[in-house]
C-alpha atoms as a PDB file:
ATOM      1  CA  MET A   1      -2.376   7.722   2.491  1.00  0.00           C
ATOM      2  CA  ASP A   2      -4.000  10.903   1.160  1.00  0.00           C
ATOM      3  CA  HIS A   3      -7.767  10.745   0.688  1.00  0.00           C
ATOM      4  CA  ALA A   4     -10.705  12.773  -0.480  1.00  0.00           C
ATOM      5  CA  ALA A   5     -12.172  14.331   2.641  1.00  0.00           C
ATOM      6  CA  ASP A   6     -15.751  13.464   1.794  1.00  0.00           C
ATOM      7  CA  ARG A   7     -17.489  10.271   2.944  1.00  0.00           C
ATOM      8  CA  LEU A   8     -14.800   9.181   5.384  1.00  0.00           C
ATOM      9  CA  GLU A   9     -15.816   6.556   7.892  1.00  0.00           C
ATOM     10  CA  LEU A  10     -14.364   3.975  10.267  1.00  0.00           C
ATOM     11  CA  VAL A  11     -16.279   0.694  10.356  1.00  0.00           C
ATOM     12  CA  ALA A  12     -15.879  -2.494  12.354  1.00  0.00           C
ATOM     13  CA  ASP A  13     -14.615  -5.619  10.619  1.00  0.00           C
ATOM     14  CA  PRO A  14     -17.513  -8.113  10.703  1.00  0.00           C
ATOM     15  CA  VAL A  15     -15.026 -11.009  10.807  1.00  0.00           C
ATOM     16  CA  ARG A  16     -12.337  -9.740  13.192  1.00  0.00           C
ATOM     17  CA  ARG A  17     -13.994  -8.141  16.215  1.00  0.00           C
ATOM     18  CA  THR A  18     -11.113  -5.755  16.975  1.00  0.00           C
ATOM     19  CA  GLY A  19     -10.511  -4.749  13.362  1.00  0.00           C
ATOM     20  CA  ARG A  20     -11.378  -1.301  12.035  1.00  0.00           C
ATOM     21  CA  LEU A  21     -11.501  -0.264   8.379  1.00  0.00           C
ATOM     22  CA  LEU A  22     -10.998   3.291   7.184  1.00  0.00           C
ATOM     23  CA  LEU A  23     -13.201   3.881   4.141  1.00  0.00           C
ATOM     24  CA  ALA A  24     -13.124   6.815   1.725  1.00  0.00           C
ATOM     25  CA  ALA A  25     -16.219   7.005  -0.466  1.00  0.00           C
ATOM     26  CA  GLY A  26     -16.815   3.347   0.387  1.00  0.00           C
ATOM     27  CA  VAL A  27     -13.338   2.206  -0.706  1.00  0.00           C
ATOM     28  CA  GLU A  28     -11.077   0.448   1.794  1.00  0.00           C
ATOM     29  CA  GLN A  29      -8.019   2.588   2.588  1.00  0.00           C
ATOM     30  CA  SER A  30      -6.517   1.405   5.876  1.00  0.00           C
ATOM     31  CA  TYR A  31      -7.017  -1.302   8.478  1.00  0.00           C
ATOM     32  CA  VAL A  32      -6.118  -1.242  12.169  1.00  0.00           C
ATOM     33  CA  ASP A  33      -6.587  -3.876  14.843  1.00  0.00           C
ATOM     34  CA  VAL A  34      -7.287  -1.814  17.946  1.00  0.00           C
ATOM     35  CA  ALA A  35      -6.110  -4.644  20.220  1.00  0.00           C
ATOM     36  CA  ASP A  36      -3.048  -5.774  18.249  1.00  0.00           C
ATOM     37  CA  PRO A  37      -1.046  -3.209  16.231  1.00  0.00           C
ATOM     38  CA  ARG A  38       1.166  -6.025  14.929  1.00  0.00           C
ATOM     39  CA  TYR A  39      -1.728  -7.479  12.934  1.00  0.00           C
ATOM     40  CA  LEU A  40      -1.499  -6.338   9.308  1.00  0.00           C
ATOM     41  CA  HIS A  41      -4.577  -7.013   7.221  1.00  0.00           C
ATOM     42  CA  PHE A  42      -3.558  -5.798   3.773  1.00  0.00           C
ATOM     43  CA  GLU A  43      -1.010  -7.669   1.705  1.00  0.00           C
ATOM     44  CA  TYR A  44       0.936  -4.597   0.576  1.00  0.00           C
ATOM     45  CA  VAL A  45       1.240  -3.350   4.149  1.00  0.00           C
ATOM     46  CA  ARG A  46       2.768  -6.686   5.148  1.00  0.00           C
ATOM     47  CA  ARG A  47       5.280  -6.326   2.315  1.00  0.00           C
ATOM     48  CA  MET A  48       6.246  -2.843   3.489  1.00  0.00           C
ATOM     49  CA  ALA A  49       6.511  -4.133   7.057  1.00  0.00           C
ATOM     50  CA  ALA A  50       8.775  -6.958   5.885  1.00  0.00           C
ATOM     51  CA  VAL A  51      11.252  -4.379   4.572  1.00  0.00           C
ATOM     52  CA  ALA A  52      11.041  -2.401   7.812  1.00  0.00           C
ATOM     53  CA  ASP A  53      11.578  -5.605   9.828  1.00  0.00           C
ATOM     54  CA  ALA A  54      14.743  -6.379   7.887  1.00  0.00           C
ATOM     55  CA  ALA A  55      16.079  -2.816   7.831  1.00  0.00           C
ATOM     56  CA  ALA A  56      17.853  -3.055  11.205  1.00  0.00           C
ATOM     57  CA  PRO A  57      18.402  -5.552  14.042  1.00  0.00           C
ATOM     58  CA  ARG A  58      15.226  -6.741  15.725  1.00  0.00           C
ATOM     59  CA  GLY A  59      13.774  -4.183  18.113  1.00  0.00           C
ATOM     60  CA  ALA A  60      16.203  -1.407  17.207  1.00  0.00           C
ATOM     61  CA  ALA A  61      14.592   2.037  17.205  1.00  0.00           C
ATOM     62  CA  LEU A  62      14.451   3.854  13.888  1.00  0.00           C
ATOM     63  CA  SER A  63      13.824   7.379  12.651  1.00  0.00           C
ATOM     64  CA  VAL A  64      10.896   7.202  10.226  1.00  0.00           C
ATOM     65  CA  LEU A  65       9.041   9.611   7.942  1.00  0.00           C
ATOM     66  CA  HIS A  66       5.600   8.502   6.741  1.00  0.00           C
ATOM     67  CA  LEU A  67       4.251  10.318   3.693  1.00  0.00           C
ATOM     68  CA  GLY A  68       0.528   9.651   3.936  1.00  0.00           C
ATOM     69  CA  GLY A  69      -1.062   8.626   7.194  1.00  0.00           C
ATOM     70  CA  GLY A  70      -4.417   6.929   6.776  1.00  0.00           C
ATOM     71  CA  ALA A  71      -5.300   5.058   9.974  1.00  0.00           C
ATOM     72  CA  LEU A  72      -1.617   5.008  11.016  1.00  0.00           C
ATOM     73  CA  THR A  73      -1.271   1.262  10.534  1.00  0.00           C
ATOM     74  CA  LEU A  74       2.498   1.183  10.001  1.00  0.00           C
ATOM     75  CA  PRO A  75       3.322   3.853  12.604  1.00  0.00           C
ATOM     76  CA  ARG A  76       1.444   1.748  15.158  1.00  0.00           C
ATOM     77  CA  TYR A  77       3.192  -1.413  13.950  1.00  0.00           C
ATOM     78  CA  LEU A  78       6.654   0.134  14.189  1.00  0.00           C
ATOM     79  CA  ALA A  79       5.906   1.589  17.613  1.00  0.00           C
ATOM     80  CA  ALA A  80       5.030  -1.933  18.774  1.00  0.00           C
ATOM     81  CA  THR A  81       7.915  -3.761  17.092  1.00  0.00           C
ATOM     82  CA  ARG A  82      10.578  -1.074  17.501  1.00  0.00           C
ATOM     83  CA  PRO A  83       9.787   0.863  20.705  1.00  0.00           C
ATOM     84  CA  GLY A  84      11.349   4.294  20.917  1.00  0.00           C
ATOM     85  CA  SER A  85      11.295   4.867  17.162  1.00  0.00           C
ATOM     86  CA  ARG A  86      10.836   8.556  16.313  1.00  0.00           C
ATOM     87  CA  GLN A  87       8.118   8.811  13.677  1.00  0.00           C
ATOM     88  CA  LEU A  88       6.681  11.769  11.800  1.00  0.00           C
ATOM     89  CA  VAL A  89       3.491  11.290   9.758  1.00  0.00           C
ATOM     90  CA  ILE A  90       2.514  13.746   7.016  1.00  0.00           C
ATOM     91  CA  GLU A  91      -1.179  13.549   6.068  1.00  0.00           C
ATOM     92  CA  ARG A  92      -2.727  15.911   3.541  1.00  0.00           C
ATOM     93  CA  GLU A  93      -6.340  15.632   4.685  1.00  0.00           C
ATOM     94  CA  PRO A  94      -7.228  17.220   8.065  1.00  0.00           C
ATOM     95  CA  ALA A  95     -10.465  15.207   8.099  1.00  0.00           C
ATOM     96  CA  VAL A  96      -8.494  11.947   8.082  1.00  0.00           C
ATOM     97  CA  VAL A  97      -6.375  13.089  11.014  1.00  0.00           C
ATOM     98  CA  GLU A  98      -9.432  14.245  12.963  1.00  0.00           C
ATOM     99  CA  LEU A  99     -11.353  11.006  12.429  1.00  0.00           C
ATOM    100  CA  VAL A 100      -8.450   8.673  13.169  1.00  0.00           C
ATOM    101  CA  THR A 101      -7.293  10.496  16.292  1.00  0.00           C
ATOM    102  CA  ARG A 102     -10.860  10.737  17.614  1.00  0.00           C
ATOM    103  CA  LYS A 103     -12.060   7.189  16.996  1.00  0.00           C
ATOM    104  CA  LEU A 104      -8.958   4.991  17.191  1.00  0.00           C
ATOM    105  CA  PRO A 105      -6.597   4.327  20.130  1.00  0.00           C
ATOM    106  CA  PRO A 106      -4.283   7.201  21.136  1.00  0.00           C
ATOM    107  CA  LEU A 107      -1.130   7.786  19.137  1.00  0.00           C
ATOM    108  CA  PRO A 108       1.823   5.694  20.297  1.00  0.00           C
ATOM    109  CA  PRO A 109       4.659   7.553  22.042  1.00  0.00           C
ATOM    110  CA  ASP A 110       7.121   9.266  19.711  1.00  0.00           C
ATOM    111  CA  VAL A 111       4.604   9.427  16.823  1.00  0.00           C
ATOM    112  CA  ARG A 112       3.703  12.913  15.581  1.00  0.00           C
ATOM    113  CA  ILE A 113       1.222  13.904  12.860  1.00  0.00           C
ATOM    114  CA  GLN A 114       1.394  17.008  10.710  1.00  0.00           C
ATOM    115  CA  VAL A 115      -1.157  18.107   8.139  1.00  0.00           C
ATOM    116  CA  GLY A 116       0.631  19.073   4.953  1.00  0.00           C
ATOM    117  CA  ASP A 117       1.905  18.181   1.513  1.00  0.00           C
ATOM    118  CA  ALA A 118       4.364  15.304   1.230  1.00  0.00           C
ATOM    119  CA  ARG A 119       6.792  17.053  -1.093  1.00  0.00           C
ATOM    120  CA  ASP A 120       6.858  20.186   1.043  1.00  0.00           C
ATOM    121  CA  ALA A 121       7.600  18.060   4.095  1.00  0.00           C
ATOM    122  CA  VAL A 122      10.463  16.274   2.342  1.00  0.00           C
ATOM    123  CA  ALA A 123      11.916  19.551   1.100  1.00  0.00           C
ATOM    124  CA  ASP A 124      11.835  20.924   4.652  1.00  0.00           C
ATOM    125  CA  ALA A 125      13.352  17.828   6.267  1.00  0.00           C
ATOM    126  CA  PRO A 126      16.920  18.044   7.576  1.00  0.00           C
ATOM    127  CA  PRO A 127      19.430  16.044   5.518  1.00  0.00           C
ATOM    128  CA  ALA A 128      20.478  12.519   6.500  1.00  0.00           C
ATOM    129  CA  THR A 129      17.773  12.281   9.179  1.00  0.00           C
ATOM    130  CA  TYR A 130      15.708   9.173   8.456  1.00  0.00           C
ATOM    131  CA  ASP A 131      16.332   5.438   8.434  1.00  0.00           C
ATOM    132  CA  LEU A 132      13.063   4.870   6.587  1.00  0.00           C
ATOM    133  CA  VAL A 133      10.823   7.009   4.407  1.00  0.00           C
ATOM    134  CA  LEU A 134       7.491   5.343   3.581  1.00  0.00           C
ATOM    135  CA  ALA A 135       5.279   6.805   0.854  1.00  0.00           C
ATOM    136  CA  ASP A 136       1.600   5.892   0.515  1.00  0.00           C
ATOM    137  CA  ILE A 137       0.288   8.976  -1.243  1.00  0.00           C
ATOM    138  CA  TYR A 138      -2.875   8.958  -3.304  1.00  0.00           C
ATOM    139  CA  ARG A 139      -5.520  11.372  -4.523  1.00  0.00           C
ATOM    140  CA  ALA A 140      -8.517   9.882  -6.300  1.00  0.00           C
ATOM    141  CA  ALA A 141      -6.663   6.548  -6.661  1.00  0.00           C
ATOM    142  CA  ARG A 142      -3.655   8.197  -8.350  1.00  0.00           C
ATOM    143  CA  MET A 143      -0.192   8.991  -7.068  1.00  0.00           C
ATOM    144  CA  PRO A 144       0.189  12.758  -7.617  1.00  0.00           C
ATOM    145  CA  ARG A 145       2.709  13.725 -10.290  1.00  0.00           C
ATOM    146  CA  HIS A 146       4.833  15.898  -8.009  1.00  0.00           C
ATOM    147  CA  VAL A 147       5.742  12.911  -5.795  1.00  0.00           C
ATOM    148  CA  ARG A 148       6.708  10.504  -8.573  1.00  0.00           C
ATOM    149  CA  THR A 149       9.519  12.363 -10.341  1.00  0.00           C
ATOM    150  CA  VAL A 150      13.306  12.092 -10.369  1.00  0.00           C
ATOM    151  CA  GLU A 151      13.560  15.394  -8.533  1.00  0.00           C
ATOM    152  CA  PHE A 152      11.291  14.215  -5.731  1.00  0.00           C
ATOM    153  CA  ALA A 153      13.230  10.963  -5.445  1.00  0.00           C
ATOM    154  CA  ALA A 154      16.434  12.991  -5.078  1.00  0.00           C
ATOM    155  CA  GLU A 155      14.832  15.056  -2.315  1.00  0.00           C
ATOM    156  CA  VAL A 156      13.812  11.861  -0.496  1.00  0.00           C
ATOM    157  CA  ALA A 157      17.312  10.416  -0.886  1.00  0.00           C
ATOM    158  CA  ALA A 158      18.763  13.545   0.703  1.00  0.00           C
ATOM    159  CA  THR A 159      16.675  12.980   3.850  1.00  0.00           C
ATOM    160  CA  LEU A 160      17.915   9.406   4.267  1.00  0.00           C
ATOM    161  CA  ARG A 161      20.914   8.285   6.240  1.00  0.00           C
ATOM    162  CA  PRO A 162      23.534   6.428   4.157  1.00  0.00           C
ATOM    163  CA  ASP A 163      21.975   3.044   5.014  1.00  0.00           C
ATOM    164  CA  GLY A 164      18.397   4.350   4.795  1.00  0.00           C
ATOM    165  CA  ILE A 165      15.578   2.863   2.707  1.00  0.00           C
ATOM    166  CA  TYR A 166      12.737   4.465   0.746  1.00  0.00           C
ATOM    167  CA  LEU A 167       9.500   2.468   0.460  1.00  0.00           C
ATOM    168  CA  VAL A 168       6.703   3.265  -2.007  1.00  0.00           C
ATOM    169  CA  ASN A 169       3.228   1.763  -2.233  1.00  0.00           C
ATOM    170  CA  LEU A 170       1.984   1.746  -5.827  1.00  0.00           C
ATOM    171  CA  THR A 171      -1.421   0.856  -7.210  1.00  0.00           C
ATOM    172  CA  ASP A 172      -1.421  -0.254 -10.808  1.00  0.00           C
ATOM    173  CA  LEU A 173      -3.166  -2.382 -13.405  1.00  0.00           C
ATOM    174  CA  PRO A 174      -1.881  -4.428 -16.355  1.00  0.00           C
ATOM    175  CA  PRO A 175       0.487  -3.858 -18.089  1.00  0.00           C
ATOM    176  CA  LEU A 176       1.971  -2.064 -15.036  1.00  0.00           C
ATOM    177  CA  VAL A 177       3.163   0.969 -16.967  1.00  0.00           C
ATOM    178  CA  ALA A 178       3.108   3.263 -13.923  1.00  0.00           C
ATOM    179  CA  THR A 179       5.181   0.783 -11.921  1.00  0.00           C
ATOM    180  CA  ARG A 180       7.784   0.419 -14.657  1.00  0.00           C
ATOM    181  CA  VAL A 181       8.067   4.210 -14.927  1.00  0.00           C
ATOM    182  CA  GLN A 182       8.484   4.557 -11.169  1.00  0.00           C
ATOM    183  CA  VAL A 183      11.228   1.912 -11.146  1.00  0.00           C
ATOM    184  CA  ALA A 184      13.033   3.760 -13.941  1.00  0.00           C
ATOM    185  CA  THR A 185      12.571   7.024 -12.055  1.00  0.00           C
ATOM    186  CA  LEU A 186      13.994   5.718  -8.782  1.00  0.00           C
ATOM    187  CA  ARG A 187      16.920   4.143 -10.625  1.00  0.00           C
ATOM    188  CA  GLU A 188      18.051   7.629 -11.609  1.00  0.00           C
ATOM    189  CA  VAL A 189      18.705   8.337  -7.918  1.00  0.00           C
ATOM    190  CA  PHE A 190      19.001   5.105  -5.916  1.00  0.00           C
ATOM    191  CA  ALA A 191      21.699   2.451  -6.253  1.00  0.00           C
ATOM    192  CA  ASP A 192      19.704  -0.562  -5.047  1.00  0.00           C
ATOM    193  CA  ILE A 193      16.035  -1.207  -5.891  1.00  0.00           C
ATOM    194  CA  CYS A 194      13.649  -4.133  -5.654  1.00  0.00           C
ATOM    195  CA  LEU A 195       9.971  -4.704  -6.395  1.00  0.00           C
ATOM    196  CA  LEU A 196       7.679  -6.771  -4.150  1.00  0.00           C
ATOM    197  CA  ALA A 197       4.331  -7.946  -5.486  1.00  0.00           C
ATOM    198  CA  ASP A 198       1.702 -10.640  -5.719  1.00  0.00           C
ATOM    199  CA  ARG A 199       2.639 -13.049  -8.523  1.00  0.00           C
ATOM    200  CA  ARG A 200      -0.757 -12.450 -10.134  1.00  0.00           C
ATOM    201  CA  MET A 201       0.050  -8.749 -10.482  1.00  0.00           C
ATOM    202  CA  LEU A 202       3.249  -9.467 -12.391  1.00  0.00           C
ATOM    203  CA  ARG A 203       1.396 -11.927 -14.613  1.00  0.00           C
ATOM    204  CA  GLY A 204      -1.069  -9.206 -15.566  1.00  0.00           C
ATOM    205  CA  ARG A 205      -4.067 -10.873 -13.968  1.00  0.00           C
ATOM    206  CA  ARG A 206      -5.331  -8.206 -11.584  1.00  0.00           C
ATOM    207  CA  TYR A 207      -5.355  -4.614 -10.408  1.00  0.00           C
ATOM    208  CA  GLY A 208      -3.679  -4.079  -7.060  1.00  0.00           C
ATOM    209  CA  ASN A 209      -0.730  -2.906  -5.025  1.00  0.00           C
ATOM    210  CA  LEU A 210       2.998  -3.289  -5.502  1.00  0.00           C
ATOM    211  CA  VAL A 211       5.808  -2.108  -3.233  1.00  0.00           C
ATOM    212  CA  LEU A 212       9.124  -0.598  -4.275  1.00  0.00           C
ATOM    213  CA  ALA A 213      12.126  -0.506  -1.939  1.00  0.00           C
ATOM    214  CA  ALA A 214      15.087   1.708  -2.807  1.00  0.00           C
ATOM    215  CA  ALA A 215      18.370   2.465  -1.092  1.00  0.00           C
ATOM    216  CA  PRO A 216      21.162   4.926  -1.923  1.00  0.00           C
ATOM    217  CA  THR A 217      23.855   2.396  -0.968  1.00  0.00           C
ATOM    218  CA  PRO A 218      24.605  -0.496  -3.353  1.00  0.00           C
ATOM    219  CA  GLY A 219      23.711  -3.901  -1.908  1.00  0.00           C
ATOM    220  CA  ARG A 220      21.841  -2.383   1.036  1.00  0.00           C
ATOM    221  CA  LEU A 221      18.479  -4.081   0.502  1.00  0.00           C
ATOM    222  CA  PRO A 222      18.032  -7.378   2.428  1.00  0.00           C
ATOM    223  CA  VAL A 223      16.813  -9.190  -0.676  1.00  0.00           C
ATOM    224  CA  ALA A 224      17.227 -12.756   0.599  1.00  0.00           C
ATOM    225  CA  ARG A 225      15.149 -12.014   3.705  1.00  0.00           C
ATOM    226  CA  LEU A 226      12.512 -10.282   1.600  1.00  0.00           C
ATOM    227  CA  VAL A 227      12.248 -13.296  -0.698  1.00  0.00           C
ATOM    228  CA  THR A 228      11.708 -15.542   2.321  1.00  0.00           C
ATOM    229  CA  ALA A 229       9.061 -13.207   3.749  1.00  0.00           C
ATOM    230  CA  ALA A 230       7.297 -13.005   0.372  1.00  0.00           C
ATOM    231  CA  VAL A 231       7.102 -16.789   0.049  1.00  0.00           C
ATOM    232  CA  ARG A 232       5.766 -17.186   3.607  1.00  0.00           C
ATOM    233  CA  ASP A 233       3.083 -14.502   3.285  1.00  0.00           C
ATOM    234  CA  PRO A 234      -0.568 -15.688   3.310  1.00  0.00           C
ATOM    235  CA  LEU A 235      -0.690 -14.312  -0.247  1.00  0.00           C
ATOM    236  CA  PRO A 236       2.708 -15.469  -1.541  1.00  0.00           C
ATOM    237  CA  GLY A 237       4.623 -12.882  -3.496  1.00  0.00           C
ATOM    238  CA  VAL A 238       7.724 -12.422  -5.569  1.00  0.00           C
ATOM    239  CA  VAL A 239      10.715 -10.084  -5.362  1.00  0.00           C
ATOM    240  CA  LEU A 240      12.257  -8.644  -8.530  1.00  0.00           C
ATOM    241  CA  HIS A 241      15.858  -7.478  -8.149  1.00  0.00           C
ATOM    242  CA  GLY A 242      18.966  -7.241 -10.291  1.00  0.00           C
ATOM    243  CA  THR A 243      18.621  -8.746 -13.756  1.00  0.00           C
ATOM    244  CA  ALA A 244      14.955  -9.668 -13.188  1.00  0.00           C
ATOM    245  CA  LEU A 245      14.181  -6.035 -12.492  1.00  0.00           C
ATOM    246  CA  ASP A 246      16.303  -4.999 -15.487  1.00  0.00           C
ATOM    247  CA  THR A 247      14.076  -7.122 -17.697  1.00  0.00           C
ATOM    248  CA  PHE A 248      10.893  -5.777 -16.113  1.00  0.00           C
ATOM    249  CA  VAL A 249      11.823  -2.134 -16.706  1.00  0.00           C
ATOM    250  CA  ALA A 250      13.739  -2.454 -19.987  1.00  0.00           C
ATOM    251  CA  GLY A 251      13.278   0.557 -22.267  1.00  0.00           C
ATOM    252  CA  THR A 252      11.145   2.534 -19.808  1.00  0.00           C
ATOM    253  CA  LEU A 253      11.913   6.216 -19.337  1.00  0.00           C
ATOM    254  CA  PRO A 254      11.874   8.036 -15.976  1.00  0.00           C
ATOM    255  CA  THR A 255       9.575  10.943 -15.136  1.00  0.00           C
ATOM    256  CA  THR A 256      10.899  14.424 -14.287  1.00  0.00           C
ATOM    257  CA  ASP A 257       9.278  17.596 -13.013  1.00  0.00           C
ATOM    258  CA  ALA A 258       9.437  18.991 -16.549  1.00  0.00           C
ATOM    259  CA  ASP A 259       7.764  15.948 -18.118  1.00  0.00           C
ATOM    260  CA  THR A 260       4.264  16.532 -19.435  1.00  0.00           C
ATOM    261  CA  ARG A 261       3.415  12.838 -19.783  1.00  0.00           C
ATOM    262  CA  ASP A 262       0.850  11.418 -17.359  1.00  0.00           C
END
């Protein structure tokens, strides 16, 4: 996750002794359990992890690109659940990297961090390299325009292997206009897409996070497993796919690099 560099701090969780929260200007950004990297505190992170869990046979190593680093919650999780996975993390803010690497446990093996812009990193990536690309990219609580367009989605798709998956964390508020636009945008490039979210989000009752999963190959997404994981989550969720997603996004236009809408 990209953050403003000012007022960054890591604080202990008063409830879970081994938990650490990364705060930016007092706002919770990431959570890491320093004793158990498999523990995932935030709901949206668990939804992203559920997709990663179902992306390949249990324990199989993956090649992963993380766009946005934060406290490296998912890189640590994947290193623990899929040992030997080669992971590259792109984080825009040097201050985040410095704080996290200084105050949290050492980076797992095969995890590298680079300071840089997410779109530049994707453009520079070799084609057909990654099994997973995970995007959690925010500046001042907004996903920057240059990483939410059709052209950027096409660049991400080019970095994926044929059975690869692109995951996007979105923050939105009712009536979820930004989410609908991002679904329409990804549909210009990817053949299989689903949306994972808290039911209350889809009912327009709260601000929060939603997760999009997209794959270039039709039928690639493990939708049945994701539905099961969503129902079993401590905060039960829902998965929109196929006709349900058609209804959700009906009439929404994608965003391109040339678009001046915000």
